[in-house]
Amino acid sequence: MNFAGRICIGVIADFAKNRLGLRRAYLITLVSFLFLSSQIAASLVGDVRHLNIASAMLGFAYGALFGLFPTITIEWFGLAHFSENWGTVSLAPLIGGNLFSLAFGMNLDAHAPQSQSFASSSSLAVPTVANAQCVMGVECYISSIRLTIGATFVALLLSVVAGMRDRRRFVDVDGKEVMGEQPVVWEADED
């Protein structure tokens, strides 16, 4: 689904810019909405057999993200420093990904059975696999999903702000949006 998300957002972004006269930055809101929808779908899953739907939605959202953001990075910062800027944008999820993984692990540990039986085959005490599993169903992860729903909602709000700020960069004195006045910077300035 990741590849499908990249293709779809590329077609939608080009259509929105070339036919509708919209800024590509507006589509950040669409990508944020896709992420929010995938997390809401995951929160509604009651049977693990239906988790594939939420997983496919999340993969589509990631595909849309990595299909749209290189173009926006070029539009905002220019091609001269694209690799540096895109590298920074690509590494940004590192912090959030680790924090959310820790939160998910702490939530899962909080719902694991309290009795600990340790394997004595080594000098380190290692919990057995049976005790490392949460068997409470949705309660094992629903708090983590609620946390990600909140985070994706904040991302949706920030994407609306980003679209509005991008629009302000291209508004003339009469308040009309000017398309094409500030082209993408393809080469470094000769200063």
Protein backbone atom coordinates (compact mmCIF):
# COMPACT_ATOMS: atom_id res chain seq x y z
CA MET A 1 0.00 0.00 0.00
CA ASN A 2 2.97 2.26 0.49
CA PHE A 3 3.63 2.38 -3.25
CA ALA A 4 -0.06 3.02 -3.99
CA GLY A 5 -0.03 5.95 -1.56
CA ARG A 6 2.98 7.47 -3.33
CA ILE A 7 1.38 7.18 -6.75
CA CYS A 8 -2.01 8.51 -5.63
CA ILE A 9 -0.66 11.52 -3.76
CA GLY A 10 1.59 12.40 -6.70
CA VAL A 11 -1.35 12.39 -9.11
CA ILE A 12 -3.54 14.31 -6.65
CA ALA A 13 -0.79 16.88 -5.94
CA ASP A 14 -0.16 17.53 -9.61
CA PHE A 15 -3.89 17.77 -10.35
CA ALA A 16 -4.46 20.12 -7.41
CA LYS A 17 -1.60 22.39 -8.46
CA ASN A 18 -1.98 22.37 -12.25
CA ARG A 19 -5.76 22.14 -12.67
CA LEU A 20 -7.21 23.59 -9.48
CA GLY A 21 -4.50 26.15 -8.76
CA LEU A 22 -3.95 24.95 -5.19
CA ARG A 23 -0.66 24.85 -3.33
CA ARG A 24 0.84 21.39 -2.71
CA ALA A 25 1.22 22.30 0.96
CA TYR A 26 -2.57 22.04 1.31
CA LEU A 27 -2.21 18.31 0.72
CA ILE A 28 -0.27 17.94 3.96
CA THR A 29 -3.69 18.19 5.58
CA LEU A 30 -4.91 15.26 3.46
CA VAL A 31 -1.91 13.17 4.50
CA SER A 32 -2.48 14.03 8.18
CA PHE A 33 -6.13 13.06 7.80
CA LEU A 34 -5.08 9.71 6.32
CA PHE A 35 -2.91 9.05 9.37
CA LEU A 36 -5.70 10.09 11.73
CA SER A 37 -8.18 7.85 9.90
CA SER A 38 -5.84 4.86 10.12
CA GLN A 39 -5.48 5.29 13.87
CA ILE A 40 -9.22 5.67 14.38
CA ALA A 41 -9.73 2.51 12.29
CA ALA A 42 -7.16 0.70 14.47
CA SER A 43 -9.01 1.78 17.61
CA LEU A 44 -12.24 0.28 16.26
CA VAL A 45 -10.72 -3.13 15.50
CA GLY A 46 -12.22 -5.73 17.81
CA ASP A 47 -10.92 -8.82 16.05
CA VAL A 48 -7.29 -9.23 15.09
CA ARG A 49 -8.37 -10.64 11.71
CA HIS A 50 -9.61 -7.16 10.76
CA LEU A 51 -6.36 -5.41 11.70
CA ASN A 52 -5.22 -5.64 8.07
CA ILE A 53 -7.60 -2.83 7.09
CA ALA A 54 -6.09 -0.37 9.57
CA SER A 55 -2.61 -1.57 8.64
CA ALA A 56 -3.28 -1.00 4.93
CA MET A 57 -4.62 2.48 5.68
CA LEU A 58 -1.46 3.27 7.66
CA GLY A 59 0.74 1.98 4.83
CA PHE A 60 -1.18 4.13 2.35
CA ALA A 61 -0.71 7.17 4.60
CA TYR A 62 3.05 6.53 4.85
CA GLY A 63 3.24 6.18 1.08
CA ALA A 64 1.41 9.49 0.68
CA LEU A 65 3.77 11.11 3.18
CA PHE A 66 6.94 9.96 1.41
CA GLY A 67 5.42 10.76 -1.98
CA LEU A 68 4.46 14.33 -1.11
CA PHE A 69 7.12 15.61 1.23
CA PRO A 70 10.14 15.49 -1.10
CA THR A 71 8.29 17.80 -3.49
CA ILE A 72 7.26 20.13 -0.70
CA THR A 73 10.83 20.14 0.64
CA ILE A 74 12.04 21.26 -2.79
CA GLU A 75 9.33 23.92 -3.06
CA TRP A 76 10.06 25.35 0.39
CA PHE A 77 13.86 25.12 0.50
CA GLY A 78 14.99 24.72 -3.11
CA LEU A 79 16.96 22.01 -4.81
CA ALA A 80 20.38 23.43 -3.94
CA HIS A 81 20.22 22.01 -0.41
CA PHE A 82 17.63 19.30 -1.01
CA SER A 83 19.68 16.39 0.28
CA GLU A 84 20.46 18.18 3.53
CA ASN A 85 16.89 19.34 4.09
CA TRP A 86 15.27 16.08 3.00
CA GLY A 87 17.69 14.18 5.23
CA THR A 88 16.60 16.27 8.20
CA VAL A 89 12.92 15.81 7.35
CA SER A 90 13.42 12.05 6.95
CA LEU A 91 15.21 11.74 10.29
CA ALA A 92 12.62 13.76 12.19
CA PRO A 93 10.37 10.73 12.90
CA LEU A 94 13.27 9.09 14.73
CA ILE A 95 12.50 10.90 17.98
CA GLY A 96 8.74 10.48 17.81
CA GLY A 97 9.01 6.87 16.70
CA ASN A 98 11.17 5.98 19.67
CA LEU A 99 8.97 7.87 22.13
CA PHE A 100 5.81 6.20 20.84
CA SER A 101 7.51 2.79 20.90
CA LEU A 102 8.46 3.33 24.53
CA ALA A 103 4.92 4.45 25.39
CA PHE A 104 3.46 1.40 23.62
CA GLY A 105 5.89 -0.91 25.45
CA MET A 106 5.11 0.64 28.84
CA ASN A 107 1.39 0.29 28.15
CA LEU A 108 1.81 -3.34 27.11
CA ASP A 109 3.95 -4.08 30.19
CA ALA A 110 1.29 -2.50 32.40
CA HIS A 111 -1.26 -4.97 31.03
CA ALA A 112 0.95 -8.07 31.21
CA PRO A 113 0.28 -10.64 33.95
CA GLN A 114 1.97 -9.69 37.24
CA SER A 115 3.38 -13.12 38.15
CA GLN A 116 6.93 -13.42 36.87
CA SER A 117 8.61 -16.77 36.36
CA PHE A 118 12.14 -16.45 35.08
CA ALA A 119 14.10 -18.91 32.99
CA SER A 120 17.24 -20.05 34.80
CA SER A 121 19.16 -21.25 31.75
CA SER A 122 21.51 -18.26 31.87
CA SER A 123 22.92 -15.89 34.43
CA LEU A 124 20.45 -13.20 33.39
CA ALA A 125 16.86 -13.43 34.53
CA VAL A 126 14.71 -13.48 31.38
CA PRO A 127 10.91 -13.59 31.56
CA THR A 128 9.33 -16.52 29.75
CA VAL A 129 7.34 -15.87 26.58
CA ALA A 130 4.07 -16.85 28.27
CA ASN A 131 4.44 -14.06 30.83
CA ALA A 132 5.51 -11.44 28.27
CA GLN A 133 2.15 -11.53 26.48
CA CYS A 134 -0.96 -9.56 27.20
CA VAL A 135 -4.09 -11.66 26.80
CA MET A 136 -6.64 -8.94 27.58
CA GLY A 137 -7.46 -8.21 23.93
CA VAL A 138 -8.12 -4.59 22.97
CA GLU A 139 -7.25 -3.38 26.47
CA CYS A 140 -3.60 -4.30 25.79
CA TYR A 141 -3.13 -1.51 23.26
CA ILE A 142 -6.14 0.85 23.24
CA SER A 143 -4.38 3.45 25.44
CA SER A 144 -1.50 3.57 22.96
CA ILE A 145 -3.91 3.98 20.03
CA ARG A 146 -5.64 6.83 21.86
CA LEU A 147 -2.25 8.48 22.32
CA THR A 148 -1.51 8.20 18.58
CA ILE A 149 -4.99 9.51 17.74
CA GLY A 150 -4.19 12.59 19.82
CA ALA A 151 -0.80 12.99 18.17
CA THR A 152 -2.21 12.65 14.65
CA PHE A 153 -4.93 15.17 15.50
CA VAL A 154 -2.23 17.64 16.56
CA ALA A 155 -0.42 16.86 13.28
CA LEU A 156 -3.66 17.61 11.41
CA LEU A 157 -3.92 21.00 13.11
CA LEU A 158 -0.26 21.76 12.38
CA SER A 159 -0.73 20.81 8.73
CA VAL A 160 -3.60 23.29 8.44
CA VAL A 161 -1.30 25.97 9.88
CA ALA A 162 1.48 24.97 7.43
CA GLY A 163 -0.94 25.28 4.50
CA MET A 164 -2.10 28.69 5.67
CA ARG A 165 1.47 29.93 6.15
CA ASP A 166 2.47 28.65 2.72
CA ARG A 167 -0.52 30.44 1.18
CA ARG A 168 0.47 33.71 2.89
CA ARG A 169 3.84 33.57 1.12
CA PHE A 170 2.06 33.80 -2.25
CA VAL A 171 -0.66 36.39 -1.64
CA ASP A 172 -0.43 39.76 -3.35
CA VAL A 173 -1.46 43.10 -1.85
CA ASP A 174 -5.07 42.66 -2.97
CA GLY A 175 -5.37 39.37 -1.10
CA LYS A 176 -5.41 37.23 -4.24
CA GLU A 177 -3.27 34.12 -4.41
CA VAL A 178 -0.50 34.45 -6.98
CA MET A 179 0.52 31.21 -8.67
CA GLY A 180 3.86 30.88 -10.36
CA GLU A 181 5.29 34.17 -9.13
CA GLN A 182 7.93 32.46 -7.02
CA PRO A 183 9.18 29.42 -8.88
CA VAL A 184 10.97 26.47 -7.34
CA VAL A 185 14.63 27.26 -6.79
CA TRP A 186 16.52 24.69 -8.85
CA GLU A 187 20.01 26.10 -8.52
CA ALA A 188 21.99 27.77 -5.76
CA ASP A 189 22.13 31.54 -5.71
CA GLU A 190 25.28 32.99 -7.21
CA ASP A 191 26.23 35.33 -4.31
